PDB file of N, CA and C in Angstrom:
ATOM      1  N   MET A   1       0.843  -1.167   0.000  1.00  0.00           N
ATOM      2  CA  MET A   1       0.000   0.000   0.000  1.00  0.00           C
ATOM      3  C   MET A   1       0.897   1.243   0.000  1.00  0.00           C
ATOM      4  N   THR A   2       0.536   2.199  -0.810  1.00  0.00           N
ATOM      5  CA  THR A   2       1.245   3.462  -0.901  1.00  0.00           C
ATOM      6  C   THR A   2       0.416   4.549  -0.227  1.00  0.00           C
ATOM      7  N   ILE A   3       1.060   5.411   0.569  1.00  0.00           N
ATOM      8  CA  ILE A   3       0.387   6.567   1.158  1.00  0.00           C
ATOM      9  C   ILE A   3       1.027   7.818   0.589  1.00  0.00           C
ATOM     10  N   GLN A   4       0.207   8.655  -0.018  1.00  0.00           N
ATOM     11  CA  GLN A   4       0.680   9.928  -0.570  1.00  0.00           C
ATOM     12  C   GLN A   4      -0.087  11.055   0.105  1.00  0.00           C
ATOM     13  N   TYR A   5       0.633  12.083   0.540  1.00  0.00           N
ATOM     14  CA  TYR A   5      -0.004  13.260   1.135  1.00  0.00           C
ATOM     15  C   TYR A   5      -0.179  14.295   0.041  1.00  0.00           C
ATOM     16  N   LYS A   6      -1.415  14.788  -0.101  1.00  0.00           N
ATOM     17  CA  LYS A   6      -1.728  15.659  -1.229  1.00  0.00           C
ATOM     18  C   LYS A   6      -2.599  16.828  -0.788  1.00  0.00           C
ATOM     19  N   ASN A   7      -2.757  17.786  -1.700  1.00  0.00           N
ATOM     20  CA  ASN A   7      -3.741  18.830  -1.522  1.00  0.00           C
ATOM     21  C   ASN A   7      -4.377  19.139  -2.866  1.00  0.00           C
ATOM     22  N   GLN A   8      -5.580  19.677  -2.797  1.00  0.00           N
ATOM     23  CA  GLN A   8      -6.347  20.016  -3.993  1.00  0.00           C
ATOM     24  C   GLN A   8      -6.947  21.398  -3.788  1.00  0.00           C
ATOM     25  N   GLY A   9      -6.707  22.293  -4.732  1.00  0.00           N
ATOM     26  CA  GLY A   9      -7.275  23.631  -4.656  1.00  0.00           C
ATOM     27  C   GLY A   9      -8.758  23.641  -4.992  1.00  0.00           C
ATOM     28  N   ILE A  10      -9.449  24.639  -4.439  1.00  0.00           N
ATOM     29  CA  ILE A  10     -10.880  24.836  -4.674  1.00  0.00           C
ATOM     30  C   ILE A  10     -11.067  26.255  -5.193  1.00  0.00           C
ATOM     31  N   ASN A  11     -11.873  26.416  -6.237  1.00  0.00           N
ATOM     32  CA  ASN A  11     -12.257  27.731  -6.727  1.00  0.00           C
ATOM     33  C   ASN A  11     -13.674  27.609  -7.275  1.00  0.00           C
ATOM     34  N   LEU A  12     -14.652  28.046  -6.503  1.00  0.00           N
ATOM     35  CA  LEU A  12     -16.053  27.894  -6.891  1.00  0.00           C
ATOM     36  C   LEU A  12     -16.474  29.083  -7.747  1.00  0.00           C
ATOM     37  N   THR A  13     -16.488  28.887  -9.062  1.00  0.00           N
ATOM     38  CA  THR A  13     -16.744  29.968 -10.011  1.00  0.00           C
ATOM     39  C   THR A  13     -18.214  30.114 -10.385  1.00  0.00           C
ATOM     40  N   THR A  14     -19.058  29.178  -9.941  1.00  0.00           N
ATOM     41  CA  THR A  14     -20.493  29.259 -10.233  1.00  0.00           C
ATOM     42  C   THR A  14     -21.274  28.983  -8.950  1.00  0.00           C
ATOM     43  N   THR A  15     -22.596  29.124  -9.039  1.00  0.00           N
ATOM     44  CA  THR A  15     -23.451  28.777  -7.905  1.00  0.00           C
ATOM     45  C   THR A  15     -23.999  27.358  -8.047  1.00  0.00           C
ATOM     46  N   GLY A  16     -23.592  26.665  -9.081  1.00  0.00           N
ATOM     47  CA  GLY A  16     -23.981  25.271  -9.246  1.00  0.00           C
ATOM     48  C   GLY A  16     -23.119  24.365  -8.376  1.00  0.00           C
ATOM     49  N   THR A  17     -23.565  23.147  -8.177  1.00  0.00           N
ATOM     50  CA  THR A  17     -22.801  22.180  -7.392  1.00  0.00           C
ATOM     51  C   THR A  17     -21.581  21.736  -8.188  1.00  0.00           C
ATOM     52  N   ALA A  18     -20.412  21.833  -7.557  1.00  0.00           N
ATOM     53  CA  ALA A  18     -19.152  21.473  -8.210  1.00  0.00           C
ATOM     54  C   ALA A  18     -18.522  20.272  -7.521  1.00  0.00           C
ATOM     55  N   SER A  19     -18.061  19.318  -8.298  1.00  0.00           N
ATOM     56  CA  SER A  19     -17.281  18.201  -7.757  1.00  0.00           C
ATOM     57  C   SER A  19     -15.859  18.718  -7.545  1.00  0.00           C
ATOM     58  N   VAL A  20     -15.408  18.767  -6.279  1.00  0.00           N
ATOM     59  CA  VAL A  20     -14.100  19.352  -5.988  1.00  0.00           C
ATOM     60  C   VAL A  20     -13.025  18.299  -5.743  1.00  0.00           C
ATOM     61  N   LEU A  21     -13.422  17.050  -5.451  1.00  0.00           N
ATOM     62  CA  LEU A  21     -12.443  15.985  -5.224  1.00  0.00           C
ATOM     63  C   LEU A  21     -13.129  14.642  -5.437  1.00  0.00           C
ATOM     64  N   THR A  22     -12.549  13.807  -6.311  1.00  0.00           N
ATOM     65  CA  THR A  22     -13.083  12.476  -6.582  1.00  0.00           C
ATOM     66  C   THR A  22     -12.018  11.444  -6.240  1.00  0.00           C
ATOM     67  N   CYS A  23     -12.388  10.465  -5.428  1.00  0.00           N
ATOM     68  CA  CYS A  23     -11.466   9.411  -5.018  1.00  0.00           C
ATOM     69  C   CYS A  23     -11.385   8.345  -6.112  1.00  0.00           C
ATOM     70  N   PRO A  24     -10.182   7.998  -6.575  1.00  0.00           N
ATOM     71  CA  PRO A  24     -10.050   6.922  -7.564  1.00  0.00           C
ATOM     72  C   PRO A  24     -10.590   5.602  -7.001  1.00  0.00           C
ATOM     73  N   THR A  25     -11.051   4.731  -7.874  1.00  0.00           N
ATOM     74  CA  THR A  25     -11.642   3.470  -7.413  1.00  0.00           C
ATOM     75  C   THR A  25     -10.632   2.560  -6.725  1.00  0.00           C
ATOM     76  N   SER A  26      -9.334   2.751  -6.980  1.00  0.00           N
ATOM     77  CA  SER A  26      -8.307   1.902  -6.379  1.00  0.00           C
ATOM     78  C   SER A  26      -7.720   2.497  -5.100  1.00  0.00           C
ATOM     79  N   ALA A  27      -8.373   3.531  -4.550  1.00  0.00           N
ATOM     80  CA  ALA A  27      -7.786   4.232  -3.405  1.00  0.00           C
ATOM     81  C   ALA A  27      -8.838   4.555  -2.350  1.00  0.00           C
ATOM     82  N   THR A  28      -8.354   5.061  -1.229  1.00  0.00           N
ATOM     83  CA  THR A  28      -9.168   5.643  -0.166  1.00  0.00           C
ATOM     84  C   THR A  28      -8.523   6.979   0.187  1.00  0.00           C
ATOM     85  N   PHE A  29      -9.354   8.000   0.414  1.00  0.00           N
ATOM     86  CA  PHE A  29      -8.855   9.301   0.843  1.00  0.00           C
ATOM     87  C   PHE A  29      -9.176   9.518   2.307  1.00  0.00           C
ATOM     88  N   LEU A  30      -8.209  10.007   3.057  1.00  0.00           N
ATOM     89  CA  LEU A  30      -8.422  10.458   4.425  1.00  0.00           C
ATOM     90  C   LEU A  30      -8.253  11.976   4.401  1.00  0.00           C
ATOM     91  N   ILE A  31      -9.370  12.690   4.410  1.00  0.00           N
ATOM     92  CA  ILE A  31      -9.344  14.146   4.327  1.00  0.00           C
ATOM     93  C   ILE A  31      -9.191  14.702   5.733  1.00  0.00           C
ATOM     94  N   ARG A  32      -8.124  15.470   5.951  1.00  0.00           N
ATOM     95  CA  ARG A  32      -7.829  16.047   7.264  1.00  0.00           C
ATOM     96  C   ARG A  32      -8.320  17.474   7.387  1.00  0.00           C
ATOM     97  N   GLN A  33      -8.329  18.205   6.288  1.00  0.00           N
ATOM     98  CA  GLN A  33      -8.723  19.599   6.389  1.00  0.00           C
ATOM     99  C   GLN A  33      -9.342  20.081   5.080  1.00  0.00           C
ATOM    100  N   VAL A  34     -10.439  20.812   5.219  1.00  0.00           N
ATOM    101  CA  VAL A  34     -11.024  21.544   4.110  1.00  0.00           C
ATOM    102  C   VAL A  34     -11.125  22.982   4.602  1.00  0.00           C
ATOM    103  N   GLN A  35     -10.305  23.852   4.028  1.00  0.00           N
ATOM    104  CA  GLN A  35     -10.246  25.242   4.461  1.00  0.00           C
ATOM    105  C   GLN A  35     -10.672  26.125   3.297  1.00  0.00           C
ATOM    106  N   VAL A  36     -11.627  27.037   3.564  1.00  0.00           N
ATOM    107  CA  VAL A  36     -12.117  27.920   2.510  1.00  0.00           C
ATOM    108  C   VAL A  36     -11.970  29.377   2.925  1.00  0.00           C
ATOM    109  N   ASP A  37     -11.859  30.238   1.916  1.00  0.00           N
ATOM    110  CA  ASP A  37     -11.731  31.673   2.121  1.00  0.00           C
ATOM    111  C   ASP A  37     -12.826  32.384   1.348  1.00  0.00           C
ATOM    112  N   ASN A  38     -13.581  33.226   2.055  1.00  0.00           N
ATOM    113  CA  ASN A  38     -14.554  34.099   1.406  1.00  0.00           C
ATOM    114  C   ASN A  38     -13.901  35.460   1.255  1.00  0.00           C
ATOM    115  N   SER A  39     -13.523  35.807   0.051  1.00  0.00           N
ATOM    116  CA  SER A  39     -12.792  37.050  -0.194  1.00  0.00           C
ATOM    117  C   SER A  39     -13.709  38.240  -0.449  1.00  0.00           C
ATOM    118  N   SER A  40     -15.022  38.036  -0.371  1.00  0.00           N
ATOM    119  CA  SER A  40     -15.951  39.126  -0.665  1.00  0.00           C
ATOM    120  C   SER A  40     -16.261  39.943   0.592  1.00  0.00           C
ATOM    121  N   GLY A  41     -16.971  41.024   0.398  1.00  0.00           N
ATOM    122  CA  GLY A  41     -17.378  41.881   1.503  1.00  0.00           C
ATOM    123  C   GLY A  41     -18.706  41.479   2.112  1.00  0.00           C
ATOM    124  N   SER A  42     -19.273  40.356   1.679  1.00  0.00           N
ATOM    125  CA  SER A  42     -20.563  39.874   2.189  1.00  0.00           C
ATOM    126  C   SER A  42     -20.457  38.394   2.536  1.00  0.00           C
ATOM    127  N   PRO A  43     -21.297  37.908   3.452  1.00  0.00           N
ATOM    128  CA  PRO A  43     -21.305  36.467   3.751  1.00  0.00           C
ATOM    129  C   PRO A  43     -21.704  35.657   2.517  1.00  0.00           C
ATOM    130  N   VAL A  44     -21.182  34.439   2.422  1.00  0.00           N
ATOM    131  CA  VAL A  44     -21.529  33.522   1.332  1.00  0.00           C
ATOM    132  C   VAL A  44     -21.945  32.188   1.949  1.00  0.00           C
ATOM    133  N   ASN A  45     -23.119  31.705   1.566  1.00  0.00           N
ATOM    134  CA  ASN A  45     -23.570  30.391   2.018  1.00  0.00           C
ATOM    135  C   ASN A  45     -22.816  29.314   1.255  1.00  0.00           C
ATOM    136  N   LEU A  46     -22.362  28.290   2.006  1.00  0.00           N
ATOM    137  CA  LEU A  46     -21.623  27.181   1.407  1.00  0.00           C
ATOM    138  C   LEU A  46     -22.212  25.876   1.889  1.00  0.00           C
ATOM    139  N   SER A  47     -22.516  25.006   0.956  1.00  0.00           N
ATOM    140  CA  SER A  47     -23.030  23.671   1.258  1.00  0.00           C
ATOM    141  C   SER A  47     -22.017  22.650   0.768  1.00  0.00           C
ATOM    142  N   VAL A  48     -21.747  21.623   1.600  1.00  0.00           N
ATOM    143  CA  VAL A  48     -20.789  20.585   1.252  1.00  0.00           C
ATOM    144  C   VAL A  48     -21.509  19.240   1.292  1.00  0.00           C
ATOM    145  N   GLN A  49     -21.288  18.436   0.269  1.00  0.00           N
ATOM    146  CA  GLN A  49     -21.923  17.129   0.156  1.00  0.00           C
ATOM    147  C   GLN A  49     -20.890  16.062  -0.189  1.00  0.00           C
ATOM    148  N   VAL A  50     -21.224  14.818   0.153  1.00  0.00           N
ATOM    149  CA  VAL A  50     -20.437  13.660  -0.265  1.00  0.00           C
ATOM    150  C   VAL A  50     -21.363  12.727  -1.026  1.00  0.00           C
ATOM    151  N   THR A  51     -20.947  12.355  -2.240  1.00  0.00           N
ATOM    152  CA  THR A  51     -21.684  11.346  -2.995  1.00  0.00           C
ATOM    153  C   THR A  51     -21.023  10.001  -2.767  1.00  0.00           C
ATOM    154  N   ASP A  52     -21.781   9.088  -2.175  1.00  0.00           N
ATOM    155  CA  ASP A  52     -21.346   7.702  -1.971  1.00  0.00           C
ATOM    156  C   ASP A  52     -21.787   6.936  -3.214  1.00  0.00           C
ATOM    157  N   THR A  53     -20.849   6.713  -4.129  1.00  0.00           N
ATOM    158  CA  THR A  53     -21.224   6.087  -5.403  1.00  0.00           C
ATOM    159  C   THR A  53     -21.659   4.637  -5.250  1.00  0.00           C
ATOM    160  N   SER A  54     -21.177   3.962  -4.199  1.00  0.00           N
ATOM    161  CA  SER A  54     -21.604   2.570  -4.009  1.00  0.00           C
ATOM    162  C   SER A  54     -23.066   2.491  -3.587  1.00  0.00           C
ATOM    163  N   ALA A  55     -23.591   3.549  -2.984  1.00  0.00           N
ATOM    164  CA  ALA A  55     -24.996   3.583  -2.566  1.00  0.00           C
ATOM    165  C   ALA A  55     -25.828   4.493  -3.470  1.00  0.00           C
ATOM    166  N   SER A  56     -25.193   5.118  -4.461  1.00  0.00           N
ATOM    167  CA  SER A  56     -25.866   6.061  -5.364  1.00  0.00           C
ATOM    168  C   SER A  56     -26.642   7.122  -4.590  1.00  0.00           C
ATOM    169  N   THR A  57     -26.024   7.655  -3.532  1.00  0.00           N
ATOM    170  CA  THR A  57     -26.677   8.628  -2.661  1.00  0.00           C
ATOM    171  C   THR A  57     -25.726   9.771  -2.347  1.00  0.00           C
ATOM    172  N   THR A  58     -26.277  10.969  -2.277  1.00  0.00           N
ATOM    173  CA  THR A  58     -25.499  12.138  -1.882  1.00  0.00           C
ATOM    174  C   THR A  58     -25.967  12.599  -0.511  1.00  0.00           C
ATOM    175  N   TYR A  59     -25.004  12.838   0.389  1.00  0.00           N
ATOM    176  CA  TYR A  59     -25.278  13.243   1.756  1.00  0.00           C
ATOM    177  C   TYR A  59     -24.745  14.648   2.008  1.00  0.00           C
ATOM    178  N   SER A  60     -25.547  15.497   2.644  1.00  0.00           N
ATOM    179  CA  SER A  60     -25.078  16.811   3.074  1.00  0.00           C
ATOM    180  C   SER A  60     -24.263  16.635   4.341  1.00  0.00           C
ATOM    181  N   ILE A  61     -23.069  17.239   4.383  1.00  0.00           N
ATOM    182  CA  ILE A  61     -22.244  17.118   5.586  1.00  0.00           C
ATOM    183  C   ILE A  61     -21.964  18.473   6.243  1.00  0.00           C
ATOM    184  N   SER A  62     -22.256  19.579   5.532  1.00  0.00           N
ATOM    185  CA  SER A  62     -22.031  20.899   6.127  1.00  0.00           C
ATOM    186  C   SER A  62     -22.849  21.939   5.382  1.00  0.00           C
ATOM    187  N   ARG A  63     -23.449  22.833   6.150  1.00  0.00           N
ATOM    188  CA  ARG A  63     -24.088  24.042   5.608  1.00  0.00           C
ATOM    189  C   ARG A  63     -23.642  25.179   6.495  1.00  0.00           C
ATOM    190  N   LYS A  64     -23.027  26.177   5.890  1.00  0.00           N
ATOM    191  CA  LYS A  64     -22.419  27.216   6.700  1.00  0.00           C
ATOM    192  C   LYS A  64     -22.422  28.537   5.937  1.00  0.00           C
ATOM    193  N   ALA A  65     -22.694  29.614   6.653  1.00  0.00           N
ATOM    194  CA  ALA A  65     -22.525  30.946   6.084  1.00  0.00           C
ATOM    195  C   ALA A  65     -21.096  31.383   6.404  1.00  0.00           C
ATOM    196  N   ILE A  66     -20.290  31.540   5.385  1.00  0.00           N
ATOM    197  CA  ILE A  66     -18.899  31.956   5.576  1.00  0.00           C
ATOM    198  C   ILE A  66     -18.888  33.484   5.625  1.00  0.00           C
ATOM    199  N   ALA A  67     -18.486  34.034   6.755  1.00  0.00           N
ATOM    200  CA  ALA A  67     -18.499  35.489   6.940  1.00  0.00           C
ATOM    201  C   ALA A  67     -17.583  36.185   5.933  1.00  0.00           C
ATOM    202  N   ALA A  68     -17.867  37.458   5.691  1.00  0.00           N
ATOM    203  CA  ALA A  68     -17.072  38.258   4.758  1.00  0.00           C
ATOM    204  C   ALA A  68     -15.614  38.290   5.173  1.00  0.00           C
ATOM    205  N   ASN A  69     -14.734  38.197   4.173  1.00  0.00           N
ATOM    206  CA  ASN A  69     -13.286  38.282   4.385  1.00  0.00           C
ATOM    207  C   ASN A  69     -12.805  37.363   5.499  1.00  0.00           C
ATOM    208  N   THR A  70     -13.256  36.100   5.456  1.00  0.00           N
ATOM    209  CA  THR A  70     -12.959  35.133   6.514  1.00  0.00           C
ATOM    210  C   THR A  70     -12.477  33.822   5.924  1.00  0.00           C
ATOM    211  N   VAL A  71     -11.536  33.195   6.644  1.00  0.00           N
ATOM    212  CA  VAL A  71     -11.112  31.829   6.340  1.00  0.00           C
ATOM    213  C   VAL A  71     -11.797  30.918   7.350  1.00  0.00           C
ATOM    214  N   SER A  72     -12.346  29.793   6.869  1.00  0.00           N
ATOM    215  CA  SER A  72     -13.092  28.893   7.740  1.00  0.00           C
ATOM    216  C   SER A  72     -12.716  27.439   7.460  1.00  0.00           C
ATOM    217  N   ASN A  73     -12.632  26.631   8.528  1.00  0.00           N
ATOM    218  CA  ASN A  73     -12.426  25.191   8.391  1.00  0.00           C
ATOM    219  C   ASN A  73     -13.786  24.518   8.302  1.00  0.00           C
ATOM    220  N   ILE A  74     -13.980  23.690   7.287  1.00  0.00           N
ATOM    221  CA  ILE A  74     -15.279  23.075   7.037  1.00  0.00           C
ATOM    222  C   ILE A  74     -15.463  21.779   7.820  1.00  0.00           C
ATOM    223  N   ILE A  75     -14.418  20.970   7.957  1.00  0.00           N
ATOM    224  CA  ILE A  75     -14.541  19.728   8.720  1.00  0.00           C
ATOM    225  C   ILE A  75     -13.650  19.811   9.952  1.00  0.00           C
ATOM    226  N   THR A  76     -14.049  19.116  11.020  1.00  0.00           N
ATOM    227  CA  THR A  76     -13.282  19.150  12.267  1.00  0.00           C
ATOM    228  C   THR A  76     -12.667  17.795  12.604  1.00  0.00           C
ATOM    229  N   GLN A  77     -13.070  16.756  11.907  1.00  0.00           N
ATOM    230  CA  GLN A  77     -12.530  15.408  12.099  1.00  0.00           C
ATOM    231  C   GLN A  77     -12.164  14.842  10.727  1.00  0.00           C
ATOM    232  N   THR A  78     -11.466  13.724  10.717  1.00  0.00           N
ATOM    233  CA  THR A  78     -11.086  13.096   9.454  1.00  0.00           C
ATOM    234  C   THR A  78     -12.328  12.620   8.705  1.00  0.00           C
ATOM    235  N   LEU A  79     -12.391  12.944   7.434  1.00  0.00           N
ATOM    236  CA  LEU A  79     -13.463  12.503   6.550  1.00  0.00           C
ATOM    237  C   LEU A  79     -12.890  11.457   5.617  1.00  0.00           C
ATOM    238  N   VAL A  80     -13.531  10.299   5.520  1.00  0.00           N
ATOM    239  CA  VAL A  80     -13.066   9.203   4.677  1.00  0.00           C
ATOM    240  C   VAL A  80     -13.892   9.156   3.399  1.00  0.00           C
ATOM    241  N   LEU A  81     -13.196   9.160   2.263  1.00  0.00           N
ATOM    242  CA  LEU A  81     -13.841   8.910   0.975  1.00  0.00           C
ATOM    243  C   LEU A  81     -13.341   7.571   0.464  1.00  0.00           C
ATOM    244  N   GLU A  82     -14.271   6.681   0.149  1.00  0.00           N
ATOM    245  CA  GLU A  82     -13.916   5.385  -0.421  1.00  0.00           C
ATOM    246  C   GLU A  82     -13.841   5.516  -1.941  1.00  0.00           C
ATOM    247  N   GLY A  83     -13.307   4.488  -2.579  1.00  0.00           N
ATOM    248  CA  GLY A  83     -13.140   4.499  -4.023  1.00  0.00           C
ATOM    249  C   GLY A  83     -14.387   4.927  -4.769  1.00  0.00           C
ATOM    250  N   GLY A  84     -14.259   5.948  -5.604  1.00  0.00           N
ATOM    251  CA  GLY A  84     -15.370   6.452  -6.406  1.00  0.00           C
ATOM    252  C   GLY A  84     -16.188   7.543  -5.741  1.00  0.00           C
ATOM    253  N   ASP A  85     -16.028   7.768  -4.435  1.00  0.00           N
ATOM    254  CA  ASP A  85     -16.796   8.798  -3.742  1.00  0.00           C
ATOM    255  C   ASP A  85     -16.355  10.190  -4.202  1.00  0.00           C
ATOM    256  N   ILE A  86     -17.273  11.150  -4.096  1.00  0.00           N
ATOM    257  CA  ILE A  86     -17.024  12.502  -4.612  1.00  0.00           C
ATOM    258  C   ILE A  86     -17.374  13.530  -3.540  1.00  0.00           C
ATOM    259  N   LEU A  87     -16.464  14.470  -3.295  1.00  0.00           N
ATOM    260  CA  LEU A  87     -16.726  15.610  -2.424  1.00  0.00           C
ATOM    261  C   LEU A  87     -17.209  16.753  -3.309  1.00  0.00           C
ATOM    262  N   LYS A  88     -18.369  17.343  -2.946  1.00  0.00           N
ATOM    263  CA  LYS A  88     -18.979  18.393  -3.760  1.00  0.00           C
ATOM    264  C   LYS A  88     -19.249  19.623  -2.909  1.00  0.00           C
ATOM    265  N   MET A  89     -19.268  20.791  -3.558  1.00  0.00           N
ATOM    266  CA  MET A  89     -19.565  22.045  -2.870  1.00  0.00           C
ATOM    267  C   MET A  89     -20.488  22.902  -3.726  1.00  0.00           C
ATOM    268  N   THR A  90     -21.343  23.660  -3.026  1.00  0.00           N
ATOM    269  CA  THR A  90     -22.241  24.596  -3.681  1.00  0.00           C
ATOM    270  C   THR A  90     -22.138  25.932  -2.957  1.00  0.00           C
ATOM    271  N   ALA A  91     -21.772  26.981  -3.681  1.00  0.00           N
ATOM    272  CA  ALA A  91     -21.662  28.320  -3.093  1.00  0.00           C
ATOM    273  C   ALA A  91     -22.889  29.147  -3.461  1.00  0.00           C
ATOM    274  N   GLY A  92     -23.327  29.990  -2.528  1.00  0.00           N
ATOM    275  CA  GLY A  92     -24.470  30.861  -2.775  1.00  0.00           C
ATOM    276  C   GLY A  92     -24.133  32.035  -3.681  1.00  0.00           C
ATOM    277  N   THR A  93     -22.838  32.342  -3.813  1.00  0.00           N
ATOM    278  CA  THR A  93     -22.366  33.430  -4.671  1.00  0.00           C
ATOM    279  C   THR A  93     -21.159  32.927  -5.462  1.00  0.00           C
ATOM    280  N   ALA A  94     -21.156  33.204  -6.749  1.00  0.00           N
ATOM    281  CA  ALA A  94     -20.054  32.741  -7.608  1.00  0.00           C
ATOM    282  C   ALA A  94     -18.799  33.586  -7.403  1.00  0.00           C
ATOM    283  N   ASN A  95     -17.653  32.975  -7.645  1.00  0.00           N
ATOM    284  CA  ASN A  95     -16.344  33.639  -7.688  1.00  0.00           C
ATOM    285  C   ASN A  95     -15.894  34.261  -6.370  1.00  0.00           C
ATOM    286  N   GLU A  96     -16.370  33.770  -5.236  1.00  0.00           N
ATOM    287  CA  GLU A  96     -15.968  34.331  -3.944  1.00  0.00           C
ATOM    288  C   GLU A  96     -15.291  33.310  -3.029  1.00  0.00           C
ATOM    289  N   ILE A  97     -15.553  32.027  -3.229  1.00  0.00           N
ATOM    290  CA  ILE A  97     -15.009  30.985  -2.354  1.00  0.00           C
ATOM    291  C   ILE A  97     -13.844  30.288  -3.040  1.00  0.00           C
ATOM    292  N   GLN A  98     -12.698  30.307  -2.357  1.00  0.00           N
ATOM    293  CA  GLN A  98     -11.517  29.556  -2.770  1.00  0.00           C
ATOM    294  C   GLN A  98     -11.008  28.816  -1.544  1.00  0.00           C
ATOM    295  N   GLY A  99     -10.173  27.819  -1.758  1.00  0.00           N
ATOM    296  CA  GLY A  99      -9.618  27.124  -0.609  1.00  0.00           C
ATOM    297  C   GLY A  99      -8.754  25.955  -0.999  1.00  0.00           C
ATOM    298  N   ILE A 100      -8.572  25.062  -0.018  1.00  0.00           N
ATOM    299  CA  ILE A 100      -7.698  23.913  -0.221  1.00  0.00           C
ATOM    300  C   ILE A 100      -8.199  22.723   0.592  1.00  0.00           C
ATOM    301  N   ILE A 101      -8.022  21.552   0.025  1.00  0.00           N
ATOM    302  CA  ILE A 101      -8.341  20.287   0.690  1.00  0.00           C
ATOM    303  C   ILE A 101      -7.020  19.566   0.909  1.00  0.00           C
ATOM    304  N   SER A 102      -6.736  19.182   2.152  1.00  0.00           N
ATOM    305  CA  SER A 102      -5.516  18.432   2.482  1.00  0.00           C
ATOM    306  C   SER A 102      -5.915  17.010   2.846  1.00  0.00           C
ATOM    307  N   TYR A 103      -5.255  16.025   2.203  1.00  0.00           N
ATOM    308  CA  TYR A 103      -5.668  14.637   2.409  1.00  0.00           C
ATOM    309  C   TYR A 103      -4.509  13.667   2.198  1.00  0.00           C
ATOM    310  N   ALA A 104      -4.708  12.459   2.698  1.00  0.00           N
ATOM    311  CA  ALA A 104      -3.793  11.342   2.435  1.00  0.00           C
ATOM    312  C   ALA A 104      -4.503  10.381   1.494  1.00  0.00           C
ATOM    313  N   GLN A 105      -3.798   9.934   0.473  1.00  0.00           N
ATOM    314  CA  GLN A 105      -4.341   8.948  -0.461  1.00  0.00           C
ATOM    315  C   GLN A 105      -3.703   7.604  -0.173  1.00  0.00           C
ATOM    316  N   LEU A 106      -4.532   6.639   0.197  1.00  0.00           N
ATOM    317  CA  LEU A 106      -4.077   5.268   0.411  1.00  0.00           C
ATOM    318  C   LEU A 106      -4.385   4.505  -0.868  1.00  0.00           C
ATOM    319  N   ASP A 107      -3.344   4.070  -1.556  1.00  0.00           N
ATOM    320  CA  ASP A 107      -3.471   3.484  -2.885  1.00  0.00           C
ATOM    321  C   ASP A 107      -3.041   2.034  -2.872  1.00  0.00           C
ATOM    322  N   ARG A 108      -3.889   1.167  -3.370  1.00  0.00           N
ATOM    323  CA  ARG A 108      -3.579  -0.272  -3.432  1.00  0.00           C
ATOM    324  C   ARG A 108      -3.390  -0.766  -4.860  1.00  0.00           C
ATOM    325  N   SER A 109      -3.307   0.135  -5.823  1.00  0.00           N
ATOM    326  CA  SER A 109      -3.236  -0.287  -7.216  1.00  0.00           C
ATOM    327  C   SER A 109      -1.944  -1.017  -7.565  1.00  0.00           C
ATOM    328  N   GLN A 110      -0.892  -0.846  -6.794  1.00  0.00           N
ATOM    329  CA  GLN A 110       0.399  -1.498  -7.075  1.00  0.00           C
ATOM    330  C   GLN A 110       0.560  -2.825  -6.364  1.00  0.00           C
ATOM    331  N   GLU A 111      -0.444  -3.251  -5.581  1.00  0.00           N
ATOM    332  CA  GLU A 111      -0.325  -4.506  -4.832  1.00  0.00           C
ATOM    333  C   GLU A 111      -0.608  -5.706  -5.737  1.00  0.00           C
ATOM    334  N   ASN A 112       0.012  -6.810  -5.424  1.00  0.00           N
ATOM    335  CA  ASN A 112      -0.257  -8.061  -6.122  1.00  0.00           C
ATOM    336  C   ASN A 112      -1.394  -8.783  -5.407  1.00  0.00           C
ATOM    337  N   GLY A 113      -2.303  -9.341  -6.182  1.00  0.00           N
ATOM    338  CA  GLY A 113      -3.392 -10.130  -5.587  1.00  0.00           C
ATOM    339  C   GLY A 113      -4.431  -9.283  -5.124  1.00  0.00           C
TER     340      GLY A 113
END
């Protein structure tokens, strides 16, 4: 098993739901931090969802008004994404939310058997 520490940038340019991180089918993600910045002068509503592809279901995991000119942590504990799962975000205002996702990728694609 290989463990890689990674990060993924976020830039929500629309008010539609955006897939911000998709776990490969041969891996598991351990997400330690999702940090977002609202660079506008007004609060922005942010909704975060996880799509569990094995159950064909999307679950809401956070709804938060991000205050103006504020950086906010979205998760407080480790979030696990299994192979094929998708982390999604929806912003109430376009072009105001940016951030970063920090995670470990546990990859089994190089294993025999």
